[in-house]
Amino acid sequence: MKRSTINLMKTSYPNSTLVGVISLIGTAVGIATFLFAADQKQARVTEVIHDVRLLAAQTAGRPAAVNDTVREGTAVRTGTESRAELTFVDQTLTRLGANTVFSFGAAARTYDLGSGAILMSAPKETGTVKITTAVATCAVSGFTAILERHSNAWNKFIILHRDGWLNIKGHPGDPVHPGDPIHPCHLHGGQMVVFPPHPTHCPPVLNIDISKLLNGKLVRGFKGPLPELNIILADIENRATSPPSGGLIDPTNQDSIDQAMNAHMESPPPPRPTIPPGDRPR
């Protein structure tokens, strides 16, 4: 009787140890995952040009400095002729143009553009990134893209590399994320959509001359090169040898874009307000 009890204890002890080790590993993985997710919700300021401020909730704004940490709930605002660059833990790069308000909340890989213009570049491993505005949400994965948001003028969503989707808020049937069966606003690299301040449907997708963007301040106005610059240059070369039918539109020329939109739409868009020089595409 005693021998059987001893043998049972000898047999049970290794098993209980194994269970304990597995539990500890599971706990450690859970903690690491939680900490990594928390880290994803913060960024480091990697460049400041002129007037850039950090606006935390219920506190007065303060000037931003290189290596400042931007956490969930803090907005970054740039002034006239000012720019900023943020680098997230997953190496997603965000560049803010002049007169821009940018923030991010609790949802992973979801960012908010209040106004102005941003350029974002994210590695493939990042997964789907969503950029929201008051009227639309853009979803992209492993990409370089530019988004402009103006409350009294035309808005733009431009894909420099990879694919993206645009969802007009309040209009079911438009794509919410990749995987939906219908993609009326599905963009490839070298394409753009332009939409009014209060859109009612997805606009036509236009083919653009990406090279016109490379001298803009969101690309050349910072110390370091874009992570995907060499890939984008290769795409430009390939499109030069095999241009799409209908030619390419200059994405930096507002008047030409308006004319192209008129040609693609069944009815002309509402009158375009005059855009101050500081709000013109960068």
C-alpha atoms as a PDB file:
ATOM      1  CA  MET A   1       0.000   0.000   0.000  1.00  0.00           C
ATOM      2  CA  LYS A   2       2.767   2.383   0.942  1.00  0.00           C
ATOM      3  CA  ARG A   3       4.846   1.384  -2.103  1.00  0.00           C
ATOM      4  CA  SER A   4       1.896   2.098  -4.420  1.00  0.00           C
ATOM      5  CA  THR A   5       1.419   5.516  -2.857  1.00  0.00           C
ATOM      6  CA  ILE A   6       5.106   6.331  -3.267  1.00  0.00           C
ATOM      7  CA  ASN A   7       5.090   5.200  -6.916  1.00  0.00           C
ATOM      8  CA  LEU A   8       1.993   7.325  -7.586  1.00  0.00           C
ATOM      9  CA  MET A   9       3.694  10.359  -6.042  1.00  0.00           C
ATOM     10  CA  LYS A  10       6.784   9.755  -8.150  1.00  0.00           C
ATOM     11  CA  THR A  11       4.659   9.532 -11.272  1.00  0.00           C
ATOM     12  CA  SER A  12       2.478  12.551 -10.491  1.00  0.00           C
ATOM     13  CA  TYR A  13       5.318  14.907  -9.539  1.00  0.00           C
ATOM     14  CA  PRO A  14       6.888  15.249 -13.013  1.00  0.00           C
ATOM     15  CA  ASN A  15       3.468  15.719 -14.582  1.00  0.00           C
ATOM     16  CA  SER A  16       2.552  18.487 -12.153  1.00  0.00           C
ATOM     17  CA  THR A  17       5.924  20.129 -12.800  1.00  0.00           C
ATOM     18  CA  LEU A  18       5.291  20.042 -16.544  1.00  0.00           C
ATOM     19  CA  VAL A  19       1.853  21.585 -16.074  1.00  0.00           C
ATOM     20  CA  GLY A  20       3.393  24.312 -13.929  1.00  0.00           C
ATOM     21  CA  VAL A  21       6.081  25.067 -16.518  1.00  0.00           C
ATOM     22  CA  ILE A  22       3.478  25.272 -19.298  1.00  0.00           C
ATOM     23  CA  SER A  23       1.361  27.597 -17.169  1.00  0.00           C
ATOM     24  CA  LEU A  24       4.355  29.838 -16.500  1.00  0.00           C
ATOM     25  CA  ILE A  25       5.205  29.949 -20.209  1.00  0.00           C
ATOM     26  CA  GLY A  26       1.605  30.796 -21.071  1.00  0.00           C
ATOM     27  CA  THR A  27       1.567  33.562 -18.478  1.00  0.00           C
ATOM     28  CA  ALA A  28       4.864  34.966 -19.742  1.00  0.00           C
ATOM     29  CA  VAL A  29       3.640  34.941 -23.345  1.00  0.00           C
ATOM     30  CA  GLY A  30       0.429  36.673 -22.295  1.00  0.00           C
ATOM     31  CA  ILE A  31       2.333  39.365 -20.405  1.00  0.00           C
ATOM     32  CA  ALA A  32       4.746  39.866 -23.312  1.00  0.00           C
ATOM     33  CA  THR A  33       1.856  40.143 -25.758  1.00  0.00           C
ATOM     34  CA  PHE A  34       0.133  42.691 -23.539  1.00  0.00           C
ATOM     35  CA  LEU A  35       3.293  44.747 -23.140  1.00  0.00           C
ATOM     36  CA  PHE A  36       4.013  44.620 -26.878  1.00  0.00           C
ATOM     37  CA  ALA A  37       0.459  45.734 -27.666  1.00  0.00           C
ATOM     38  CA  ALA A  38       0.859  48.594 -25.214  1.00  0.00           C
ATOM     39  CA  ASP A  39       4.149  49.615 -26.832  1.00  0.00           C
ATOM     40  CA  GLN A  40       2.447  49.688 -30.216  1.00  0.00           C
ATOM     41  CA  LYS A  41       0.275  52.558 -28.972  1.00  0.00           C
ATOM     42  CA  GLN A  42       3.184  54.953 -28.612  1.00  0.00           C
ATOM     43  CA  ALA A  43       5.629  56.609 -30.969  1.00  0.00           C
ATOM     44  CA  ARG A  44       8.876  58.523 -30.782  1.00  0.00           C
ATOM     45  CA  VAL A  45       9.295  61.968 -32.318  1.00  0.00           C
ATOM     46  CA  THR A  46      12.154  61.567 -34.789  1.00  0.00           C
ATOM     47  CA  GLU A  47      12.104  65.002 -36.444  1.00  0.00           C
ATOM     48  CA  VAL A  48      10.707  68.438 -35.657  1.00  0.00           C
ATOM     49  CA  ILE A  49      10.630  71.349 -38.113  1.00  0.00           C
ATOM     50  CA  HIS A  50       9.521  74.733 -36.788  1.00  0.00           C
ATOM     51  CA  ASP A  51       6.267  74.812 -34.763  1.00  0.00           C
ATOM     52  CA  VAL A  52       5.217  71.329 -33.598  1.00  0.00           C
ATOM     53  CA  ARG A  53       3.188  70.821 -30.430  1.00  0.00           C
ATOM     54  CA  LEU A  54       2.006  67.868 -28.359  1.00  0.00           C
ATOM     55  CA  LEU A  55      -1.557  68.196 -27.079  1.00  0.00           C
ATOM     56  CA  ALA A  56      -2.365  65.774 -24.257  1.00  0.00           C
ATOM     57  CA  ALA A  57      -5.896  65.488 -22.888  1.00  0.00           C
ATOM     58  CA  GLN A  58      -6.807  68.194 -20.367  1.00  0.00           C
ATOM     59  CA  THR A  59      -3.332  69.740 -20.449  1.00  0.00           C
ATOM     60  CA  ALA A  60      -1.869  72.743 -22.210  1.00  0.00           C
ATOM     61  CA  GLY A  61       0.025  71.999 -25.394  1.00  0.00           C
ATOM     62  CA  ARG A  62       3.813  72.000 -25.240  1.00  0.00           C
ATOM     63  CA  PRO A  63       6.514  72.222 -27.907  1.00  0.00           C
ATOM     64  CA  ALA A  64       7.620  68.844 -29.241  1.00  0.00           C
ATOM     65  CA  ALA A  65      11.264  67.797 -29.252  1.00  0.00           C
ATOM     66  CA  VAL A  66      13.159  64.960 -30.893  1.00  0.00           C
ATOM     67  CA  ASN A  67      12.935  61.724 -28.835  1.00  0.00           C
ATOM     68  CA  ASP A  68       9.715  62.811 -27.119  1.00  0.00           C
ATOM     69  CA  THR A  69       7.291  59.923 -26.577  1.00  0.00           C
ATOM     70  CA  VAL A  70       3.793  60.322 -27.988  1.00  0.00           C
ATOM     71  CA  ARG A  71       1.263  58.125 -26.239  1.00  0.00           C
ATOM     72  CA  GLU A  72      -2.354  57.186 -26.760  1.00  0.00           C
ATOM     73  CA  GLY A  73      -4.628  60.194 -26.390  1.00  0.00           C
ATOM     74  CA  THR A  74      -1.971  62.756 -27.288  1.00  0.00           C
ATOM     75  CA  ALA A  75      -2.394  64.723 -30.511  1.00  0.00           C
ATOM     76  CA  VAL A  76       0.432  66.172 -32.580  1.00  0.00           C
ATOM     77  CA  ARG A  77      -0.236  69.535 -34.216  1.00  0.00           C
ATOM     78  CA  THR A  78       1.976  71.327 -36.714  1.00  0.00           C
ATOM     79  CA  GLY A  79       1.845  75.024 -37.500  1.00  0.00           C
ATOM     80  CA  THR A  80       2.315  76.944 -40.741  1.00  0.00           C
ATOM     81  CA  GLU A  81       5.425  75.871 -42.678  1.00  0.00           C
ATOM     82  CA  SER A  82       6.021  73.186 -40.039  1.00  0.00           C
ATOM     83  CA  ARG A  83       6.468  69.425 -40.219  1.00  0.00           C
ATOM     84  CA  ALA A  84       7.014  66.466 -37.903  1.00  0.00           C
ATOM     85  CA  GLU A  85       8.025  62.829 -38.139  1.00  0.00           C
ATOM     86  CA  LEU A  86       6.954  60.034 -35.779  1.00  0.00           C
ATOM     87  CA  THR A  87       8.326  56.483 -35.651  1.00  0.00           C
ATOM     88  CA  PHE A  88       6.271  53.759 -33.965  1.00  0.00           C
ATOM     89  CA  VAL A  89       7.567  50.624 -32.246  1.00  0.00           C
ATOM     90  CA  ASP A  90       6.654  48.465 -35.257  1.00  0.00           C
ATOM     91  CA  GLN A  91       8.687  50.872 -37.481  1.00  0.00           C
ATOM     92  CA  THR A  92       5.614  52.486 -39.011  1.00  0.00           C
ATOM     93  CA  LEU A  93       6.738  55.940 -40.127  1.00  0.00           C
ATOM     94  CA  THR A  94       4.376  58.929 -40.061  1.00  0.00           C
ATOM     95  CA  ARG A  95       5.222  62.340 -41.512  1.00  0.00           C
ATOM     96  CA  LEU A  96       2.993  65.326 -40.860  1.00  0.00           C
ATOM     97  CA  GLY A  97       2.756  68.302 -43.203  1.00  0.00           C
ATOM     98  CA  ALA A  98       1.953  71.880 -42.234  1.00  0.00           C
ATOM     99  CA  ASN A  99      -1.280  72.735 -40.389  1.00  0.00           C
ATOM    100  CA  THR A 100      -1.946  69.105 -39.474  1.00  0.00           C
ATOM    101  CA  VAL A 101      -3.572  67.474 -36.431  1.00  0.00           C
ATOM    102  CA  PHE A 102      -2.782  63.768 -35.945  1.00  0.00           C
ATOM    103  CA  SER A 103      -3.498  61.330 -33.110  1.00  0.00           C
ATOM    104  CA  PHE A 104      -4.090  57.654 -32.282  1.00  0.00           C
ATOM    105  CA  GLY A 105      -6.352  55.933 -29.791  1.00  0.00           C
ATOM    106  CA  ALA A 106      -6.803  52.616 -28.027  1.00  0.00           C
ATOM    107  CA  ALA A 107      -7.430  50.475 -31.125  1.00  0.00           C
ATOM    108  CA  ALA A 108      -4.270  48.827 -32.436  1.00  0.00           C
ATOM    109  CA  ARG A 109      -2.904  50.233 -35.709  1.00  0.00           C
ATOM    110  CA  THR A 110      -5.701  52.797 -35.999  1.00  0.00           C
ATOM    111  CA  TYR A 111      -4.797  56.450 -36.453  1.00  0.00           C
ATOM    112  CA  ASP A 112      -6.806  59.654 -36.791  1.00  0.00           C
ATOM    113  CA  LEU A 113      -6.164  62.560 -39.146  1.00  0.00           C
ATOM    114  CA  GLY A 114      -8.125  65.554 -37.889  1.00  0.00           C
ATOM    115  CA  SER A 115      -6.926  67.899 -40.615  1.00  0.00           C
ATOM    116  CA  GLY A 116      -3.960  68.521 -42.877  1.00  0.00           C
ATOM    117  CA  ALA A 117      -1.767  65.982 -44.665  1.00  0.00           C
ATOM    118  CA  ILE A 118       0.215  62.928 -43.605  1.00  0.00           C
ATOM    119  CA  LEU A 119       2.458  60.387 -45.262  1.00  0.00           C
ATOM    120  CA  MET A 120       2.556  56.915 -43.701  1.00  0.00           C
ATOM    121  CA  SER A 121       4.888  54.045 -44.499  1.00  0.00           C
ATOM    122  CA  ALA A 122       4.399  50.684 -42.764  1.00  0.00           C
ATOM    123  CA  PRO A 123       6.272  47.353 -43.072  1.00  0.00           C
ATOM    124  CA  LYS A 124       4.452  44.289 -44.401  1.00  0.00           C
ATOM    125  CA  GLU A 125       4.628  42.654 -40.963  1.00  0.00           C
ATOM    126  CA  THR A 126       2.538  45.440 -39.440  1.00  0.00           C
ATOM    127  CA  GLY A 127      -0.733  44.099 -40.824  1.00  0.00           C
ATOM    128  CA  THR A 128      -3.685  46.253 -41.791  1.00  0.00           C
ATOM    129  CA  VAL A 129      -3.436  49.901 -40.763  1.00  0.00           C
ATOM    130  CA  LYS A 130      -6.501  52.151 -40.637  1.00  0.00           C
ATOM    131  CA  ILE A 131      -6.433  55.927 -40.921  1.00  0.00           C
ATOM    132  CA  THR A 132      -9.701  57.610 -40.042  1.00  0.00           C
ATOM    133  CA  THR A 133     -11.032  61.074 -40.823  1.00  0.00           C
ATOM    134  CA  ALA A 134     -14.394  62.704 -40.141  1.00  0.00           C
ATOM    135  CA  VAL A 135     -15.839  61.406 -43.421  1.00  0.00           C
ATOM    136  CA  ALA A 136     -13.812  58.370 -44.494  1.00  0.00           C
ATOM    137  CA  THR A 137     -11.580  55.521 -43.354  1.00  0.00           C
ATOM    138  CA  CYS A 138      -8.552  54.286 -45.304  1.00  0.00           C
ATOM    139  CA  ALA A 139      -7.260  50.733 -44.826  1.00  0.00           C
ATOM    140  CA  VAL A 140      -3.811  49.726 -46.054  1.00  0.00           C
ATOM    141  CA  SER A 141      -1.269  46.963 -45.484  1.00  0.00           C
ATOM    142  CA  GLY A 142       2.510  47.067 -46.042  1.00  0.00           C
ATOM    143  CA  PHE A 143       2.381  50.382 -47.833  1.00  0.00           C
ATOM    144  CA  THR A 144       3.392  53.978 -48.417  1.00  0.00           C
ATOM    145  CA  ALA A 145       0.447  56.378 -48.739  1.00  0.00           C
ATOM    146  CA  ILE A 146      -0.518  60.032 -48.477  1.00  0.00           C
ATOM    147  CA  LEU A 147      -3.814  61.260 -47.060  1.00  0.00           C
ATOM    148  CA  GLU A 148      -5.074  64.848 -47.085  1.00  0.00           C
ATOM    149  CA  ARG A 149      -8.077  66.002 -45.084  1.00  0.00           C
ATOM    150  CA  HIS A 150      -9.618  69.481 -45.457  1.00  0.00           C
ATOM    151  CA  SER A 151     -12.990  70.490 -44.022  1.00  0.00           C
ATOM    152  CA  ASN A 152     -13.655  73.073 -46.754  1.00  0.00           C
ATOM    153  CA  ALA A 153     -11.851  71.670 -49.806  1.00  0.00           C
ATOM    154  CA  TRP A 154     -11.127  68.495 -51.736  1.00  0.00           C
ATOM    155  CA  ASN A 155      -9.558  65.527 -49.930  1.00  0.00           C
ATOM    156  CA  LYS A 156      -7.043  63.049 -51.331  1.00  0.00           C
ATOM    157  CA  PHE A 157      -5.983  59.477 -50.688  1.00  0.00           C
ATOM    158  CA  ILE A 158      -2.875  58.439 -52.642  1.00  0.00           C
ATOM    159  CA  ILE A 159      -1.141  55.048 -52.705  1.00  0.00           C
ATOM    160  CA  LEU A 160       2.546  55.252 -53.597  1.00  0.00           C
ATOM    161  CA  HIS A 161       3.168  51.539 -53.041  1.00  0.00           C
ATOM    162  CA  ARG A 162       1.020  48.409 -52.461  1.00  0.00           C
ATOM    163  CA  ASP A 163      -2.810  48.492 -52.131  1.00  0.00           C
ATOM    164  CA  GLY A 164      -5.403  50.414 -50.158  1.00  0.00           C
ATOM    165  CA  TRP A 165      -9.145  50.726 -49.602  1.00  0.00           C
ATOM    166  CA  LEU A 166     -11.328  53.740 -48.945  1.00  0.00           C
ATOM    167  CA  ASN A 167     -14.596  53.528 -47.020  1.00  0.00           C
ATOM    168  CA  ILE A 168     -16.981  56.508 -47.051  1.00  0.00           C
ATOM    169  CA  LYS A 169     -18.576  56.649 -43.601  1.00  0.00           C
ATOM    170  CA  GLY A 170     -22.325  56.145 -43.390  1.00  0.00           C
ATOM    171  CA  HIS A 171     -22.620  54.441 -46.776  1.00  0.00           C
ATOM    172  CA  PRO A 172     -22.982  50.635 -46.443  1.00  0.00           C
ATOM    173  CA  GLY A 173     -21.690  48.588 -49.316  1.00  0.00           C
ATOM    174  CA  ASP A 174     -18.395  50.393 -49.481  1.00  0.00           C
ATOM    175  CA  PRO A 175     -15.370  48.366 -48.317  1.00  0.00           C
ATOM    176  CA  VAL A 176     -14.664  48.474 -44.597  1.00  0.00           C
ATOM    177  CA  HIS A 177     -11.513  46.340 -44.693  1.00  0.00           C
ATOM    178  CA  PRO A 178      -9.644  44.030 -47.087  1.00  0.00           C
ATOM    179  CA  GLY A 179     -11.630  40.846 -47.648  1.00  0.00           C
ATOM    180  CA  ASP A 180     -14.986  42.436 -48.347  1.00  0.00           C
ATOM    181  CA  PRO A 181     -16.531  41.016 -51.577  1.00  0.00           C
ATOM    182  CA  ILE A 182     -16.899  44.443 -53.259  1.00  0.00           C
ATOM    183  CA  HIS A 183     -14.180  47.070 -53.450  1.00  0.00           C
ATOM    184  CA  PRO A 184     -15.491  50.141 -55.324  1.00  0.00           C
ATOM    185  CA  CYS A 185     -12.642  52.153 -53.742  1.00  0.00           C
ATOM    186  CA  HIS A 186      -9.796  49.683 -54.106  1.00  0.00           C
ATOM    187  CA  LEU A 187      -6.533  51.442 -55.020  1.00  0.00           C
ATOM    188  CA  HIS A 188      -3.238  50.062 -56.279  1.00  0.00           C
ATOM    189  CA  GLY A 189       0.175  51.697 -56.157  1.00  0.00           C
ATOM    190  CA  GLY A 190       0.241  54.823 -58.308  1.00  0.00           C
ATOM    191  CA  GLN A 191      -3.472  55.531 -57.893  1.00  0.00           C
ATOM    192  CA  MET A 192      -5.512  58.194 -56.112  1.00  0.00           C
ATOM    193  CA  VAL A 193      -9.039  59.170 -55.187  1.00  0.00           C
ATOM    194  CA  VAL A 194     -10.189  62.765 -54.681  1.00  0.00           C
ATOM    195  CA  PHE A 195     -13.420  63.446 -52.789  1.00  0.00           C
ATOM    196  CA  PRO A 196     -15.313  66.528 -51.555  1.00  0.00           C
ATOM    197  CA  PRO A 197     -15.653  67.579 -47.894  1.00  0.00           C
ATOM    198  CA  HIS A 198     -18.951  65.673 -47.570  1.00  0.00           C
ATOM    199  CA  PRO A 199     -18.809  62.683 -49.957  1.00  0.00           C
ATOM    200  CA  THR A 200     -21.822  60.495 -50.663  1.00  0.00           C
ATOM    201  CA  HIS A 201     -20.104  57.681 -52.578  1.00  0.00           C
ATOM    202  CA  CYS A 202     -16.700  56.364 -53.496  1.00  0.00           C
ATOM    203  CA  PRO A 203     -15.085  58.537 -56.194  1.00  0.00           C
ATOM    204  CA  PRO A 204     -13.416  57.235 -59.348  1.00  0.00           C
ATOM    205  CA  VAL A 205      -9.889  55.866 -59.013  1.00  0.00           C
ATOM    206  CA  LEU A 206      -7.334  57.924 -60.978  1.00  0.00           C
ATOM    207  CA  ASN A 207      -3.883  56.906 -62.239  1.00  0.00           C
ATOM    208  CA  ILE A 208      -1.235  59.402 -61.181  1.00  0.00           C
ATOM    209  CA  ASP A 209       2.359  60.338 -61.963  1.00  0.00           C
ATOM    210  CA  ILE A 210       4.073  59.325 -58.701  1.00  0.00           C
ATOM    211  CA  SER A 211       7.291  61.101 -59.686  1.00  0.00           C
ATOM    212  CA  LYS A 212       5.506  64.444 -59.204  1.00  0.00           C
ATOM    213  CA  LEU A 213       5.233  63.687 -55.491  1.00  0.00           C
ATOM    214  CA  LEU A 214       8.871  62.865 -54.834  1.00  0.00           C
ATOM    215  CA  ASN A 215      10.004  66.477 -54.551  1.00  0.00           C
ATOM    216  CA  GLY A 216       7.177  67.340 -52.159  1.00  0.00           C
ATOM    217  CA  LYS A 217       7.920  68.236 -48.544  1.00  0.00           C
ATOM    218  CA  LEU A 218       6.405  65.015 -47.196  1.00  0.00           C
ATOM    219  CA  VAL A 219       9.045  63.054 -49.116  1.00  0.00           C
ATOM    220  CA  ARG A 220      12.106  65.307 -49.500  1.00  0.00           C
ATOM    221  CA  GLY A 221      11.432  67.667 -46.610  1.00  0.00           C
ATOM    222  CA  PHE A 222      12.969  65.367 -43.987  1.00  0.00           C
ATOM    223  CA  LYS A 223      16.510  64.223 -43.189  1.00  0.00           C
ATOM    224  CA  GLY A 224      16.059  60.517 -43.887  1.00  0.00           C
ATOM    225  CA  PRO A 225      14.789  58.768 -47.035  1.00  0.00           C
ATOM    226  CA  LEU A 226      11.486  56.937 -47.149  1.00  0.00           C
ATOM    227  CA  PRO A 227      11.814  53.245 -46.196  1.00  0.00           C
ATOM    228  CA  GLU A 228      10.284  52.165 -49.539  1.00  0.00           C
ATOM    229  CA  LEU A 229      11.852  54.868 -51.720  1.00  0.00           C
ATOM    230  CA  ASN A 230      13.859  52.425 -53.880  1.00  0.00           C
ATOM    231  CA  ILE A 231      10.753  50.297 -54.458  1.00  0.00           C
ATOM    232  CA  ILE A 232       8.735  53.382 -55.392  1.00  0.00           C
ATOM    233  CA  LEU A 233      11.452  54.493 -57.833  1.00  0.00           C
ATOM    234  CA  ALA A 234      11.369  51.051 -59.453  1.00  0.00           C
ATOM    235  CA  ASP A 235       7.571  51.279 -59.749  1.00  0.00           C
ATOM    236  CA  ILE A 236       7.927  54.676 -61.444  1.00  0.00           C
ATOM    237  CA  GLU A 237      10.380  53.226 -63.965  1.00  0.00           C
ATOM    238  CA  ASN A 238       8.081  50.302 -64.717  1.00  0.00           C
ATOM    239  CA  ARG A 239       5.106  52.599 -65.280  1.00  0.00           C
ATOM    240  CA  ALA A 240       7.173  54.751 -67.632  1.00  0.00           C
ATOM    241  CA  THR A 241       7.704  51.778 -69.928  1.00  0.00           C
ATOM    242  CA  SER A 242       4.119  50.520 -69.606  1.00  0.00           C
ATOM    243  CA  PRO A 243       1.852  53.498 -68.785  1.00  0.00           C
ATOM    244  CA  PRO A 244      -1.850  52.836 -68.104  1.00  0.00           C
ATOM    245  CA  SER A 245      -4.400  53.720 -70.741  1.00  0.00           C
ATOM    246  CA  GLY A 246      -5.567  57.306 -70.501  1.00  0.00           C
ATOM    247  CA  GLY A 247      -2.225  58.569 -69.251  1.00  0.00           C
ATOM    248  CA  LEU A 248      -1.249  59.850 -65.817  1.00  0.00           C
ATOM    249  CA  ILE A 249      -2.602  62.762 -63.785  1.00  0.00           C
ATOM    250  CA  ASP A 250      -0.359  65.172 -61.917  1.00  0.00           C
ATOM    251  CA  PRO A 251      -1.455  64.646 -58.264  1.00  0.00           C
ATOM    252  CA  THR A 252       0.001  67.997 -57.189  1.00  0.00           C
ATOM    253  CA  ASN A 253      -2.074  70.090 -59.627  1.00  0.00           C
ATOM    254  CA  GLN A 254      -5.446  70.814 -58.034  1.00  0.00           C
ATOM    255  CA  ASP A 255      -7.063  72.285 -61.174  1.00  0.00           C
ATOM    256  CA  SER A 256      -6.109  69.341 -63.382  1.00  0.00           C
ATOM    257  CA  ILE A 257      -7.461  66.936 -60.782  1.00  0.00           C
ATOM    258  CA  ASP A 258     -10.781  68.783 -60.648  1.00  0.00           C
ATOM    259  CA  GLN A 259     -11.074  68.607 -64.438  1.00  0.00           C
ATOM    260  CA  ALA A 260     -10.318  64.894 -64.385  1.00  0.00           C
ATOM    261  CA  MET A 261     -12.948  64.348 -61.705  1.00  0.00           C
ATOM    262  CA  ASN A 262     -15.518  66.233 -63.776  1.00  0.00           C
ATOM    263  CA  ALA A 263     -14.747  64.018 -66.747  1.00  0.00           C
ATOM    264  CA  HIS A 264     -15.321  60.855 -64.689  1.00  0.00           C
ATOM    265  CA  MET A 265     -18.441  61.860 -62.773  1.00  0.00           C
ATOM    266  CA  GLU A 266     -22.005  61.809 -64.073  1.00  0.00           C
ATOM    267  CA  SER A 267     -22.679  65.231 -62.552  1.00  0.00           C
ATOM    268  CA  PRO A 268     -20.182  67.957 -61.715  1.00  0.00           C
ATOM    269  CA  PRO A 269     -18.985  68.223 -58.122  1.00  0.00           C
ATOM    270  CA  PRO A 270     -19.963  71.137 -55.894  1.00  0.00           C
ATOM    271  CA  PRO A 271     -17.954  74.340 -56.320  1.00  0.00           C
ATOM    272  CA  ARG A 272     -14.490  74.035 -54.855  1.00  0.00           C
ATOM    273  CA  PRO A 273     -13.631  76.619 -52.208  1.00  0.00           C
ATOM    274  CA  THR A 274     -10.430  78.570 -52.673  1.00  0.00           C
ATOM    275  CA  ILE A 275      -7.578  76.732 -50.970  1.00  0.00           C
ATOM    276  CA  PRO A 276      -5.108  78.888 -48.996  1.00  0.00           C
ATOM    277  CA  PRO A 277      -1.483  78.440 -50.189  1.00  0.00           C
ATOM    278  CA  GLY A 278      -0.561  76.674 -46.966  1.00  0.00           C
ATOM    279  CA  ASP A 279      -3.240  74.021 -47.534  1.00  0.00           C
ATOM    280  CA  ARG A 280      -2.271  73.110 -51.099  1.00  0.00           C
ATOM    281  CA  PRO A 281      -1.071  69.530 -51.696  1.00  0.00           C
ATOM    282  CA  ARG A 282       2.406  68.885 -50.418  1.00  0.00           C
END
